[in-house]
PDB file of N, CA and C in Angstrom:
ATOM      1  N   MET A   1     103.379 142.849  94.125  1.00  0.00           N
ATOM      2  CA  MET A   1     102.621 141.566  94.487  1.00  0.00           C
ATOM      3  C   MET A   1     102.746 141.693  96.086  1.00  0.00           C
ATOM      4  N   ASN A   2     101.851 141.310  96.874  1.00  0.00           N
ATOM      5  CA  ASN A   2     101.511 141.163  98.428  1.00  0.00           C
ATOM      6  C   ASN A   2     101.724 139.334  98.830  1.00  0.00           C
ATOM      7  N   ILE A   3     102.639 139.230  99.416  1.00  0.00           N
ATOM      8  CA  ILE A   3     102.926 137.817  99.917  1.00  0.00           C
ATOM      9  C   ILE A   3     102.916 137.741 101.282  1.00  0.00           C
ATOM     10  N   THR A   4     102.544 136.452 101.828  1.00  0.00           N
ATOM     11  CA  THR A   4     103.105 136.176 103.178  1.00  0.00           C
ATOM     12  C   THR A   4     103.493 134.841 103.267  1.00  0.00           C
ATOM     13  N   VAL A   5     104.428 134.793 104.289  1.00  0.00           N
ATOM     14  CA  VAL A   5     105.043 133.445 104.335  1.00  0.00           C
ATOM     15  C   VAL A   5     104.628 132.885 105.475  1.00  0.00           C
ATOM     16  N   THR A   6     104.110 131.421 105.455  1.00  0.00           N
ATOM     17  CA  THR A   6     103.653 130.574 106.588  1.00  0.00           C
ATOM     18  C   THR A   6     104.829 129.662 106.550  1.00  0.00           C
ATOM     19  N   GLU A   7     104.787 129.162 107.806  1.00  0.00           N
ATOM     20  CA  GLU A   7     105.362 127.978 108.189  1.00  0.00           C
ATOM     21  C   GLU A   7     104.638 126.818 108.992  1.00  0.00           C
ATOM     22  N   ILE A   8     104.871 125.649 108.179  1.00  0.00           N
ATOM     23  CA  ILE A   8     103.819 124.505 108.476  1.00  0.00           C
ATOM     24  C   ILE A   8     104.903 123.261 108.679  1.00  0.00           C
ATOM     25  N   GLY A   9     105.653 122.869 109.894  1.00  0.00           N
ATOM     26  CA  GLY A   9     106.360 121.959 110.258  1.00  0.00           C
ATOM     27  C   GLY A   9     107.637 122.624 109.483  1.00  0.00           C
ATOM     28  N   THR A  10     108.372 122.042 108.823  1.00  0.00           N
ATOM     29  CA  THR A  10     109.648 122.555 108.402  1.00  0.00           C
ATOM     30  C   THR A  10     109.398 123.120 107.018  1.00  0.00           C
ATOM     31  N   SER A  11     108.508 123.213 106.510  1.00  0.00           N
ATOM     32  CA  SER A  11     108.187 124.006 105.058  1.00  0.00           C
ATOM     33  C   SER A  11     107.895 125.152 105.544  1.00  0.00           C
ATOM     34  N   ARG A  12     108.515 126.038 104.574  1.00  0.00           N
ATOM     35  CA  ARG A  12     108.212 127.632 104.326  1.00  0.00           C
ATOM     36  C   ARG A  12     107.274 127.676 103.224  1.00  0.00           C
ATOM     37  N   ILE A  13     106.090 128.388 103.390  1.00  0.00           N
ATOM     38  CA  ILE A  13     105.196 128.363 102.034  1.00  0.00           C
ATOM     39  C   ILE A  13     104.988 129.874 101.997  1.00  0.00           C
ATOM     40  N   LEU A  14     105.141 130.424 100.760  1.00  0.00           N
ATOM     41  CA  LEU A  14     104.842 131.789 100.280  1.00  0.00           C
ATOM     42  C   LEU A  14     103.408 131.841  99.688  1.00  0.00           C
ATOM     43  N   GLU A  15     102.615 132.701 100.254  1.00  0.00           N
ATOM     44  CA  GLU A  15     101.408 132.685  99.675  1.00  0.00           C
ATOM     45  C   GLU A  15     101.010 133.999  99.020  1.00  0.00           C
ATOM     46  N   VAL A  16     100.502 134.156  97.849  1.00  0.00           N
ATOM     47  CA  VAL A  16     100.098 135.658  96.988  1.00  0.00           C
ATOM     48  C   VAL A  16      98.904 135.932  97.326  1.00  0.00           C
ATOM     49  N   GLN A  17      98.589 136.771  98.005  1.00  0.00           N
ATOM     50  CA  GLN A  17      97.675 137.429  98.464  1.00  0.00           C
ATOM     51  C   GLN A  17      96.585 138.014  97.564  1.00  0.00           C
ATOM     52  N   PRO A  18      95.235 137.632  97.660  1.00  0.00           N
ATOM     53  CA  PRO A  18      94.479 138.385  96.336  1.00  0.00           C
ATOM     54  C   PRO A  18      94.584 139.774  96.041  1.00  0.00           C
ATOM     55  N   GLY A  19      94.391 140.035  94.844  1.00  0.00           N
ATOM     56  CA  GLY A  19      94.385 141.221  94.115  1.00  0.00           C
ATOM     57  C   GLY A  19      95.328 141.249  93.077  1.00  0.00           C
ATOM     58  N   PHE A  20      96.741 140.307  93.151  1.00  0.00           N
ATOM     59  CA  PHE A  20      97.439 140.300  92.357  1.00  0.00           C
ATOM     60  C   PHE A  20      97.161 139.353  90.928  1.00  0.00           C
ATOM     61  N   ILE A  21      97.321 139.557  89.916  1.00  0.00           N
ATOM     62  CA  ILE A  21      97.168 138.795  88.697  1.00  0.00           C
ATOM     63  C   ILE A  21      98.528 138.486  87.831  1.00  0.00           C
ATOM     64  N   PHE A  22      98.637 137.368  87.632  1.00  0.00           N
ATOM     65  CA  PHE A  22      99.947 136.796  86.842  1.00  0.00           C
ATOM     66  C   PHE A  22      99.368 137.190  85.022  1.00  0.00           C
ATOM     67  N   LYS A  23     100.067 137.963  84.456  1.00  0.00           N
ATOM     68  CA  LYS A  23     100.114 138.050  83.193  1.00  0.00           C
ATOM     69  C   LYS A  23     100.867 137.550  82.391  1.00  0.00           C
ATOM     70  N   GLU A  24     102.511 137.604  82.604  1.00  0.00           N
ATOM     71  CA  GLU A  24     103.207 137.065  82.036  1.00  0.00           C
ATOM     72  C   GLU A  24     103.952 136.105  82.614  1.00  0.00           C
ATOM     73  N   THR A  25     104.882 135.303  81.769  1.00  0.00           N
ATOM     74  CA  THR A  25     105.946 134.873  82.432  1.00  0.00           C
ATOM     75  C   THR A  25     107.149 135.538  83.385  1.00  0.00           C
ATOM     76  N   GLY A  26     107.263 136.930  83.181  1.00  0.00           N
ATOM     77  CA  GLY A  26     108.097 137.464  83.968  1.00  0.00           C
ATOM     78  C   GLY A  26     107.366 137.668  85.491  1.00  0.00           C
ATOM     79  N   ASP A  27     106.156 137.822  85.406  1.00  0.00           N
ATOM     80  CA  ASP A  27     105.349 137.888  86.684  1.00  0.00           C
ATOM     81  C   ASP A  27     105.559 136.691  87.581  1.00  0.00           C
ATOM     82  N   ILE A  28     105.598 135.111  86.973  1.00  0.00           N
ATOM     83  CA  ILE A  28     105.893 133.889  87.600  1.00  0.00           C
ATOM     84  C   ILE A  28     107.390 133.884  88.114  1.00  0.00           C
ATOM     85  N   MET A  29     108.357 134.499  87.360  1.00  0.00           N
ATOM     86  CA  MET A  29     109.763 134.681  87.740  1.00  0.00           C
ATOM     87  C   MET A  29     109.779 135.223  88.844  1.00  0.00           C
ATOM     88  N   ASP A  30     109.086 136.510  88.988  1.00  0.00           N
ATOM     89  CA  ASP A  30     109.253 137.369  90.173  1.00  0.00           C
ATOM     90  C   ASP A  30     108.792 136.563  91.362  1.00  0.00           C
ATOM     91  N   LEU A  31     107.808 135.967  91.335  1.00  0.00           N
ATOM     92  CA  LEU A  31     107.375 135.286  92.390  1.00  0.00           C
ATOM     93  C   LEU A  31     108.504 133.954  92.600  1.00  0.00           C
ATOM     94  N   VAL A  32     109.028 133.428  91.867  1.00  0.00           N
ATOM     95  CA  VAL A  32     110.035 132.367  91.966  1.00  0.00           C
ATOM     96  C   VAL A  32     111.226 133.191  92.778  1.00  0.00           C
ATOM     97  N   GLY A  33     111.385 134.345  92.466  1.00  0.00           N
ATOM     98  CA  GLY A  33     112.560 135.182  93.074  1.00  0.00           C
ATOM     99  C   GLY A  33     112.396 135.501  94.513  1.00  0.00           C
ATOM    100  N   SER A  34     110.701 135.741  94.637  1.00  0.00           N
ATOM    101  CA  SER A  34     110.585 136.101  95.780  1.00  0.00           C
ATOM    102  C   SER A  34     110.599 134.678  96.789  1.00  0.00           C
ATOM    103  N   ALA A  35     110.100 133.485  96.065  1.00  0.00           N
ATOM    104  CA  ALA A  35     110.380 132.334  97.100  1.00  0.00           C
ATOM    105  C   ALA A  35     111.779 131.759  97.603  1.00  0.00           C
ATOM    106  N   MET A  36     112.338 132.120  96.413  1.00  0.00           N
ATOM    107  CA  MET A  36     113.745 131.721  96.975  1.00  0.00           C
ATOM    108  C   MET A  36     114.496 132.810  97.852  1.00  0.00           C
ATOM    109  N   GLY A  37     114.238 134.230  97.761  1.00  0.00           N
ATOM    110  CA  GLY A  37     114.526 135.042  98.523  1.00  0.00           C
ATOM    111  C   GLY A  37     114.123 134.762 100.334  1.00  0.00           C
ATOM    112  N   HIS A  38     112.998 134.192 100.424  1.00  0.00           N
ATOM    113  CA  HIS A  38     112.478 133.860 101.533  1.00  0.00           C
ATOM    114  C   HIS A  38     112.577 132.380 101.753  1.00  0.00           C
ATOM    115  N   SER A  39     113.639 131.824 101.332  1.00  0.00           N
ATOM    116  CA  SER A  39     113.611 130.329 101.383  1.00  0.00           C
ATOM    117  C   SER A  39     112.239 129.464 101.506  1.00  0.00           C
ATOM    118  N   ALA A  40     111.456 129.751 100.673  1.00  0.00           N
ATOM    119  CA  ALA A  40     109.994 128.840 100.630  1.00  0.00           C
ATOM    120  C   ALA A  40     110.255 128.024  99.560  1.00  0.00           C
ATOM    121  N   SER A  41     110.287 126.829  99.890  1.00  0.00           N
ATOM    122  CA  SER A  41     109.927 125.605  98.760  1.00  0.00           C
ATOM    123  C   SER A  41     108.619 125.594  98.383  1.00  0.00           C
ATOM    124  N   LYS A  42     107.574 126.189  98.651  1.00  0.00           N
ATOM    125  CA  LYS A  42     106.537 125.788  98.221  1.00  0.00           C
ATOM    126  C   LYS A  42     105.610 127.070  97.992  1.00  0.00           C
ATOM    127  N   VAL A  43     104.697 127.500  96.954  1.00  0.00           N
ATOM    128  CA  VAL A  43     103.833 128.761  97.055  1.00  0.00           C
ATOM    129  C   VAL A  43     102.456 128.314  96.649  1.00  0.00           C
ATOM    130  N   ILE A  44     101.703 129.112  97.144  1.00  0.00           N
ATOM    131  CA  ILE A  44     100.060 129.000  96.714  1.00  0.00           C
ATOM    132  C   ILE A  44      99.764 130.292  95.987  1.00  0.00           C
ATOM    133  N   ILE A  45      98.920 129.915  94.930  1.00  0.00           N
ATOM    134  CA  ILE A  45      98.554 130.888  94.322  1.00  0.00           C
ATOM    135  C   ILE A  45      96.801 130.489  94.058  1.00  0.00           C
ATOM    136  N   LEU A  46      96.095 131.468  93.807  1.00  0.00           N
ATOM    137  CA  LEU A  46      94.782 131.484  93.633  1.00  0.00           C
ATOM    138  C   LEU A  46      94.310 131.411  92.204  1.00  0.00           C
ATOM    139  N   GLU A  47      93.311 130.502  91.772  1.00  0.00           N
ATOM    140  CA  GLU A  47      92.807 130.389  90.368  1.00  0.00           C
ATOM    141  C   GLU A  47      92.494 131.765  89.913  1.00  0.00           C
ATOM    142  N   GLN A  48      92.108 132.617  90.328  1.00  0.00           N
ATOM    143  CA  GLN A  48      91.657 133.850  89.746  1.00  0.00           C
ATOM    144  C   GLN A  48      92.897 134.438  89.708  1.00  0.00           C
ATOM    145  N   GLN A  49      94.066 134.110  90.116  1.00  0.00           N
ATOM    146  CA  GLN A  49      95.073 135.368  89.682  1.00  0.00           C
ATOM    147  C   GLN A  49      95.823 134.818  88.669  1.00  0.00           C
ATOM    148  N   LEU A  50      95.450 133.733  87.824  1.00  0.00           N
ATOM    149  CA  LEU A  50      95.939 133.196  86.766  1.00  0.00           C
ATOM    150  C   LEU A  50      95.097 133.690  85.333  1.00  0.00           C
ATOM    151  N   PRO A  51      95.629 134.238  84.609  1.00  0.00           N
ATOM    152  CA  PRO A  51      94.795 134.504  83.138  1.00  0.00           C
ATOM    153  C   PRO A  51      93.733 133.368  82.832  1.00  0.00           C
ATOM    154  N   PRO A  52      92.748 133.622  82.335  1.00  0.00           N
ATOM    155  CA  PRO A  52      91.717 132.563  82.019  1.00  0.00           C
ATOM    156  C   PRO A  52      92.559 131.755  80.792  1.00  0.00           C
ATOM    157  N   VAL A  53      93.298 132.006  80.325  1.00  0.00           N
ATOM    158  CA  VAL A  53      94.149 131.121  79.046  1.00  0.00           C
ATOM    159  C   VAL A  53      95.015 130.186  79.739  1.00  0.00           C
ATOM    160  N   PHE A  54      95.250 130.640  80.905  1.00  0.00           N
ATOM    161  CA  PHE A  54      96.144 129.188  81.623  1.00  0.00           C
ATOM    162  C   PHE A  54      95.443 127.989  81.798  1.00  0.00           C
ATOM    163  N   PHE A  55      94.098 127.972  81.859  1.00  0.00           N
ATOM    164  CA  PHE A  55      93.235 126.678  82.183  1.00  0.00           C
ATOM    165  C   PHE A  55      92.934 126.255  80.533  1.00  0.00           C
ATOM    166  N   ASN A  56      92.997 126.896  79.567  1.00  0.00           N
ATOM    167  CA  ASN A  56      93.160 126.353  78.020  1.00  0.00           C
ATOM    168  C   ASN A  56      94.506 125.553  77.894  1.00  0.00           C
ATOM    169  N   LEU A  57      94.481 124.263  78.305  1.00  0.00           N
ATOM    170  CA  LEU A  57      95.866 123.868  78.046  1.00  0.00           C
ATOM    171  C   LEU A  57      96.366 123.900  76.564  1.00  0.00           C
ATOM    172  N   ARG A  58      95.612 123.871  75.615  1.00  0.00           N
ATOM    173  CA  ARG A  58      96.177 124.018  74.177  1.00  0.00           C
ATOM    174  C   ARG A  58      97.040 125.575  73.994  1.00  0.00           C
ATOM    175  N   SER A  59      96.817 126.521  74.970  1.00  0.00           N
ATOM    176  CA  SER A  59      97.374 127.430  74.799  1.00  0.00           C
ATOM    177  C   SER A  59      98.937 127.283  74.792  1.00  0.00           C
ATOM    178  N   GLY A  60      99.249 126.695  75.834  1.00  0.00           N
ATOM    179  CA  GLY A  60     100.624 126.479  76.192  1.00  0.00           C
ATOM    180  C   GLY A  60     100.963 127.228  77.555  1.00  0.00           C
ATOM    181  N   VAL A  61      99.985 127.947  77.894  1.00  0.00           N
ATOM    182  CA  VAL A  61     100.683 128.911  79.176  1.00  0.00           C
ATOM    183  C   VAL A  61     100.922 127.981  80.292  1.00  0.00           C
ATOM    184  N   ALA A  62      99.835 127.360  80.810  1.00  0.00           N
ATOM    185  CA  ALA A  62     100.291 126.504  81.780  1.00  0.00           C
ATOM    186  C   ALA A  62     101.510 125.837  82.012  1.00  0.00           C
ATOM    187  N   GLY A  63     101.828 125.317  80.818  1.00  0.00           N
ATOM    188  CA  GLY A  63     102.955 124.658  80.585  1.00  0.00           C
ATOM    189  C   GLY A  63     104.230 125.456  81.034  1.00  0.00           C
ATOM    190  N   GLU A  64     104.031 126.883  80.331  1.00  0.00           N
ATOM    191  CA  GLU A  64     105.128 127.912  80.248  1.00  0.00           C
ATOM    192  C   GLU A  64     105.364 128.242  81.973  1.00  0.00           C
ATOM    193  N   PHE A  65     104.241 128.678  82.170  1.00  0.00           N
ATOM    194  CA  PHE A  65     104.168 129.214  83.596  1.00  0.00           C
ATOM    195  C   PHE A  65     104.758 128.177  84.514  1.00  0.00           C
ATOM    196  N   LEU A  66     104.095 126.725  84.699  1.00  0.00           N
ATOM    197  CA  LEU A  66     104.716 125.932  85.812  1.00  0.00           C
ATOM    198  C   LEU A  66     105.839 125.023  85.487  1.00  0.00           C
ATOM    199  N   GLN A  67     106.300 125.260  84.211  1.00  0.00           N
ATOM    200  CA  GLN A  67     108.048 124.994  84.068  1.00  0.00           C
ATOM    201  C   GLN A  67     108.794 126.086  84.658  1.00  0.00           C
ATOM    202  N   LYS A  68     108.618 127.008  84.913  1.00  0.00           N
ATOM    203  CA  LYS A  68     109.485 127.994  85.729  1.00  0.00           C
ATOM    204  C   LYS A  68     109.544 127.660  87.268  1.00  0.00           C
ATOM    205  N   PHE A  69     108.607 126.782  87.889  1.00  0.00           N
ATOM    206  CA  PHE A  69     108.341 126.561  89.171  1.00  0.00           C
ATOM    207  C   PHE A  69     109.368 124.899  89.112  1.00  0.00           C
ATOM    208  N   VAL A  70     108.995 124.172  88.358  1.00  0.00           N
ATOM    209  CA  VAL A  70     109.897 123.002  88.066  1.00  0.00           C
ATOM    210  C   VAL A  70     111.329 123.299  88.112  1.00  0.00           C
ATOM    211  N   ASN A  71     111.868 124.303  87.083  1.00  0.00           N
ATOM    212  CA  ASN A  71     112.922 124.535  87.084  1.00  0.00           C
ATOM    213  C   ASN A  71     113.692 124.814  88.150  1.00  0.00           C
ATOM    214  N   TYR A  72     113.034 125.408  89.074  1.00  0.00           N
ATOM    215  CA  TYR A  72     113.877 126.007  90.304  1.00  0.00           C
ATOM    216  C   TYR A  72     113.530 125.087  91.645  1.00  0.00           C
ATOM    217  N   ARG A  73     112.770 123.955  91.133  1.00  0.00           N
ATOM    218  CA  ARG A  73     112.420 123.151  92.231  1.00  0.00           C
ATOM    219  C   ARG A  73     111.609 123.916  93.395  1.00  0.00           C
ATOM    220  N   ILE A  74     110.841 124.454  92.858  1.00  0.00           N
ATOM    221  CA  ILE A  74     109.545 125.348  93.632  1.00  0.00           C
ATOM    222  C   ILE A  74     108.230 124.519  93.504  1.00  0.00           C
ATOM    223  N   ARG A  75     107.795 124.009  94.767  1.00  0.00           N
ATOM    224  CA  ARG A  75     106.515 123.605  94.342  1.00  0.00           C
ATOM    225  C   ARG A  75     105.304 124.625  94.581  1.00  0.00           C
ATOM    226  N   VAL A  76     104.107 124.166  93.873  1.00  0.00           N
ATOM    227  CA  VAL A  76     103.402 125.131  93.565  1.00  0.00           C
ATOM    228  C   VAL A  76     102.012 124.544  93.820  1.00  0.00           C
ATOM    229  N   ALA A  77     101.197 125.278  94.548  1.00  0.00           N
ATOM    230  CA  ALA A  77      99.732 124.741  94.672  1.00  0.00           C
ATOM    231  C   ALA A  77      98.331 125.784  93.997  1.00  0.00           C
ATOM    232  N   ILE A  78      97.717 125.410  93.378  1.00  0.00           N
ATOM    233  CA  ILE A  78      96.702 126.500  92.383  1.00  0.00           C
ATOM    234  C   ILE A  78      95.697 126.198  93.502  1.00  0.00           C
ATOM    235  N   VAL A  79      94.796 127.109  94.048  1.00  0.00           N
ATOM    236  CA  VAL A  79      93.692 126.856  94.717  1.00  0.00           C
ATOM    237  C   VAL A  79      92.452 127.402  94.037  1.00  0.00           C
ATOM    238  N   GLY A  80      91.299 126.726  93.774  1.00  0.00           N
ATOM    239  CA  GLY A  80      90.237 127.174  93.125  1.00  0.00           C
ATOM    240  C   GLY A  80      89.350 126.168  92.942  1.00  0.00           C
ATOM    241  N   ASN A  81      88.166 126.753  92.060  1.00  0.00           N
ATOM    242  CA  ASN A  81      86.994 125.796  91.677  1.00  0.00           C
ATOM    243  C   ASN A  81      87.600 125.358  90.288  1.00  0.00           C
ATOM    244  N   PHE A  82      87.777 124.519  89.856  1.00  0.00           N
ATOM    245  CA  PHE A  82      88.084 124.344  88.353  1.00  0.00           C
ATOM    246  C   PHE A  82      86.950 123.505  87.741  1.00  0.00           C
ATOM    247  N   ASP A  83      86.208 123.233  88.213  1.00  0.00           N
ATOM    248  CA  ASP A  83      85.078 122.266  87.618  1.00  0.00           C
ATOM    249  C   ASP A  83      84.396 123.339  86.322  1.00  0.00           C
ATOM    250  N   LYS A  84      84.200 124.704  86.652  1.00  0.00           N
ATOM    251  CA  LYS A  84      83.750 125.594  85.943  1.00  0.00           C
ATOM    252  C   LYS A  84      84.396 126.012  84.434  1.00  0.00           C
ATOM    253  N   PHE A  85      85.635 125.206  84.374  1.00  0.00           N
ATOM    254  CA  PHE A  85      86.200 125.468  83.160  1.00  0.00           C
ATOM    255  C   PHE A  85      85.440 124.083  82.167  1.00  0.00           C
ATOM    256  N   ASN A  86      84.814 123.228  82.675  1.00  0.00           N
ATOM    257  CA  ASN A  86      84.337 122.391  82.014  1.00  0.00           C
ATOM    258  C   ASN A  86      85.268 121.634  80.902  1.00  0.00           C
ATOM    259  N   SER A  87      86.458 121.418  81.218  1.00  0.00           N
ATOM    260  CA  SER A  87      87.404 120.729  80.304  1.00  0.00           C
ATOM    261  C   SER A  87      87.843 119.354  80.668  1.00  0.00           C
ATOM    262  N   LYS A  88      87.757 118.370  80.022  1.00  0.00           N
ATOM    263  CA  LYS A  88      88.385 117.005  80.292  1.00  0.00           C
ATOM    264  C   LYS A  88      89.769 117.052  80.386  1.00  0.00           C
ATOM    265  N   ALA A  89      90.264 117.745  79.227  1.00  0.00           N
ATOM    266  CA  ALA A  89      91.944 117.888  79.240  1.00  0.00           C
ATOM    267  C   ALA A  89      92.370 118.561  80.498  1.00  0.00           C
ATOM    268  N   LEU A  90      91.620 119.652  81.172  1.00  0.00           N
ATOM    269  CA  LEU A  90      92.194 120.185  82.531  1.00  0.00           C
ATOM    270  C   LEU A  90      91.943 119.254  83.776  1.00  0.00           C
ATOM    271  N   LYS A  91      90.639 118.486  83.591  1.00  0.00           N
ATOM    272  CA  LYS A  91      90.560 117.696  84.614  1.00  0.00           C
ATOM    273  C   LYS A  91      91.695 116.614  84.644  1.00  0.00           C
ATOM    274  N   ASP A  92      91.915 115.932  83.448  1.00  0.00           N
ATOM    275  CA  ASP A  92      93.081 114.980  83.631  1.00  0.00           C
ATOM    276  C   ASP A  92      94.526 115.668  84.116  1.00  0.00           C
ATOM    277  N   PHE A  93      94.374 116.892  83.587  1.00  0.00           N
ATOM    278  CA  PHE A  93      95.860 117.115  83.762  1.00  0.00           C
ATOM    279  C   PHE A  93      96.005 117.441  85.138  1.00  0.00           C
ATOM    280  N   ILE A  94      94.806 118.235  85.925  1.00  0.00           N
ATOM    281  CA  ILE A  94      94.724 118.141  87.666  1.00  0.00           C
ATOM    282  C   ILE A  94      94.952 116.910  88.050  1.00  0.00           C
ATOM    283  N   PHE A  95      94.256 115.959  87.596  1.00  0.00           N
ATOM    284  CA  PHE A  95      94.569 114.409  88.576  1.00  0.00           C
ATOM    285  C   PHE A  95      95.784 113.999  88.187  1.00  0.00           C
ATOM    286  N   GLU A  96      96.403 114.220  87.148  1.00  0.00           N
ATOM    287  CA  GLU A  96      97.943 113.764  86.876  1.00  0.00           C
ATOM    288  C   GLU A  96      98.744 114.616  87.861  1.00  0.00           C
ATOM    289  N   SER A  97      98.478 115.780  87.920  1.00  0.00           N
ATOM    290  CA  SER A  97      99.316 116.622  88.696  1.00  0.00           C
ATOM    291  C   SER A  97      99.330 116.470  90.170  1.00  0.00           C
ATOM    292  N   ASN A  98      97.990 116.173  90.677  1.00  0.00           N
ATOM    293  CA  ASN A  98      97.947 115.841  91.787  1.00  0.00           C
ATOM    294  C   ASN A  98      98.427 114.511  92.619  1.00  0.00           C
ATOM    295  N   LYS A  99      98.908 113.452  91.452  1.00  0.00           N
ATOM    296  CA  LYS A  99      99.373 112.173  92.052  1.00  0.00           C
ATOM    297  C   LYS A  99     100.927 112.526  92.444  1.00  0.00           C
ATOM    298  N   GLY A 100     101.652 113.689  91.633  1.00  0.00           N
ATOM    299  CA  GLY A 100     102.923 113.842  91.983  1.00  0.00           C
ATOM    300  C   GLY A 100     103.154 115.010  92.936  1.00  0.00           C
ATOM    301  N   LYS A 101     104.308 115.563  93.217  1.00  0.00           N
ATOM    302  CA  LYS A 101     104.807 116.429  94.229  1.00  0.00           C
ATOM    303  C   LYS A 101     104.747 117.683  93.894  1.00  0.00           C
ATOM    304  N   GLN A 102     105.218 117.984  92.630  1.00  0.00           N
ATOM    305  CA  GLN A 102     105.656 119.356  92.242  1.00  0.00           C
ATOM    306  C   GLN A 102     104.469 120.550  92.092  1.00  0.00           C
ATOM    307  N   VAL A 103     103.092 119.598  91.398  1.00  0.00           N
ATOM    308  CA  VAL A 103     101.856 121.008  91.259  1.00  0.00           C
ATOM    309  C   VAL A 103     100.847 120.475  91.896  1.00  0.00           C
ATOM    310  N   TYR A 104     100.074 121.310  92.463  1.00  0.00           N
ATOM    311  CA  TYR A 104      98.876 120.579  93.331  1.00  0.00           C
ATOM    312  C   TYR A 104      97.759 121.641  93.037  1.00  0.00           C
ATOM    313  N   PHE A 105      96.515 120.967  92.573  1.00  0.00           N
ATOM    314  CA  PHE A 105      95.418 121.737  92.471  1.00  0.00           C
ATOM    315  C   PHE A 105      94.742 121.416  93.720  1.00  0.00           C
ATOM    316  N   ALA A 106      94.212 122.660  94.658  1.00  0.00           N
ATOM    317  CA  ALA A 106      93.453 122.371  95.712  1.00  0.00           C
ATOM    318  C   ALA A 106      92.025 122.645  95.584  1.00  0.00           C
ATOM    319  N   ALA A 107      91.337 122.498  96.085  1.00  0.00           N
ATOM    320  CA  ALA A 107      89.787 122.907  96.410  1.00  0.00           C
ATOM    321  C   ALA A 107      89.762 124.370  97.285  1.00  0.00           C
ATOM    322  N   ASN A 108      90.303 124.354  98.365  1.00  0.00           N
ATOM    323  CA  ASN A 108      90.256 125.692  99.172  1.00  0.00           C
ATOM    324  C   ASN A 108      91.984 125.744  99.835  1.00  0.00           C
ATOM    325  N   MET A 109      92.192 126.768 100.637  1.00  0.00           N
ATOM    326  CA  MET A 109      93.322 127.184 101.447  1.00  0.00           C
ATOM    327  C   MET A 109      93.672 125.982 102.137  1.00  0.00           C
ATOM    328  N   GLU A 110      92.672 125.801 103.073  1.00  0.00           N
ATOM    329  CA  GLU A 110      93.040 124.711 104.185  1.00  0.00           C
ATOM    330  C   GLU A 110      93.548 123.284 103.315  1.00  0.00           C
ATOM    331  N   ASP A 111      93.037 122.885 102.146  1.00  0.00           N
ATOM    332  CA  ASP A 111      93.562 121.581 101.669  1.00  0.00           C
ATOM    333  C   ASP A 111      95.165 122.194 101.047  1.00  0.00           C
ATOM    334  N   ALA A 112      95.353 123.365 100.381  1.00  0.00           N
ATOM    335  CA  ALA A 112      96.596 123.619 100.223  1.00  0.00           C
ATOM    336  C   ALA A 112      97.737 123.738 101.159  1.00  0.00           C
ATOM    337  N   ARG A 113      97.170 124.128 102.145  1.00  0.00           N
ATOM    338  CA  ARG A 113      98.027 124.314 103.350  1.00  0.00           C
ATOM    339  C   ARG A 113      98.440 122.871 104.131  1.00  0.00           C
ATOM    340  N   GLN A 114      97.426 122.016 104.346  1.00  0.00           N
ATOM    341  CA  GLN A 114      97.498 121.063 104.837  1.00  0.00           C
ATOM    342  C   GLN A 114      97.808 119.811 104.171  1.00  0.00           C
ATOM    343  N   ASN A 115      96.661 119.233 103.310  1.00  0.00           N
ATOM    344  CA  ASN A 115      96.894 117.943 102.777  1.00  0.00           C
ATOM    345  C   ASN A 115      98.561 118.011 101.842  1.00  0.00           C
ATOM    346  N   TRP A 116      98.405 119.420 101.199  1.00  0.00           N
ATOM    347  CA  TRP A 116      99.518 119.245 100.321  1.00  0.00           C
ATOM    348  C   TRP A 116     100.752 119.369 100.759  1.00  0.00           C
ATOM    349  N   HIS A 117     100.945 119.847 102.005  1.00  0.00           N
ATOM    350  CA  HIS A 117     102.243 119.711 103.004  1.00  0.00           C
ATOM    351  C   HIS A 117     102.537 118.592 103.285  1.00  0.00           C
ATOM    352  N   ASN A 118     101.463 117.528 103.309  1.00  0.00           N
ATOM    353  CA  ASN A 118     102.123 116.289 103.480  1.00  0.00           C
ATOM    354  C   ASN A 118     102.430 115.536 102.578  1.00  0.00           C
ATOM    355  N   LYS A 119     102.454 115.778 101.440  1.00  0.00           N
ATOM    356  CA  LYS A 119     102.822 115.151 100.218  1.00  0.00           C
ATOM    357  C   LYS A 119     104.494 115.197 100.104  1.00  0.00           C
TER     358      LYS A 119
END
């Protein structure tokens, strides 16, 4: 997994670079470990890096993956175009997630880096 670490204000943000695909919970735990090793309190991943089943909320994959970040108090932003999934449940999940501070769904990297940073 290729990562970069960015500092914005007092936040250290770990960004997973394109090309890596998360396939299982162990991959997420590797990312959590990398974030902790770099003293990053936030991570940014791209929607296309997640398996399509992640966006089918009935599968439970989103909950399983995101719970790892919650358990270790690492905030996560997922960047992408989520309208293509055409799911009211997903749209509602994104809306509710974006009200909080733990999980943020962003339309683009600038949004993930700047607006989420201020949450």
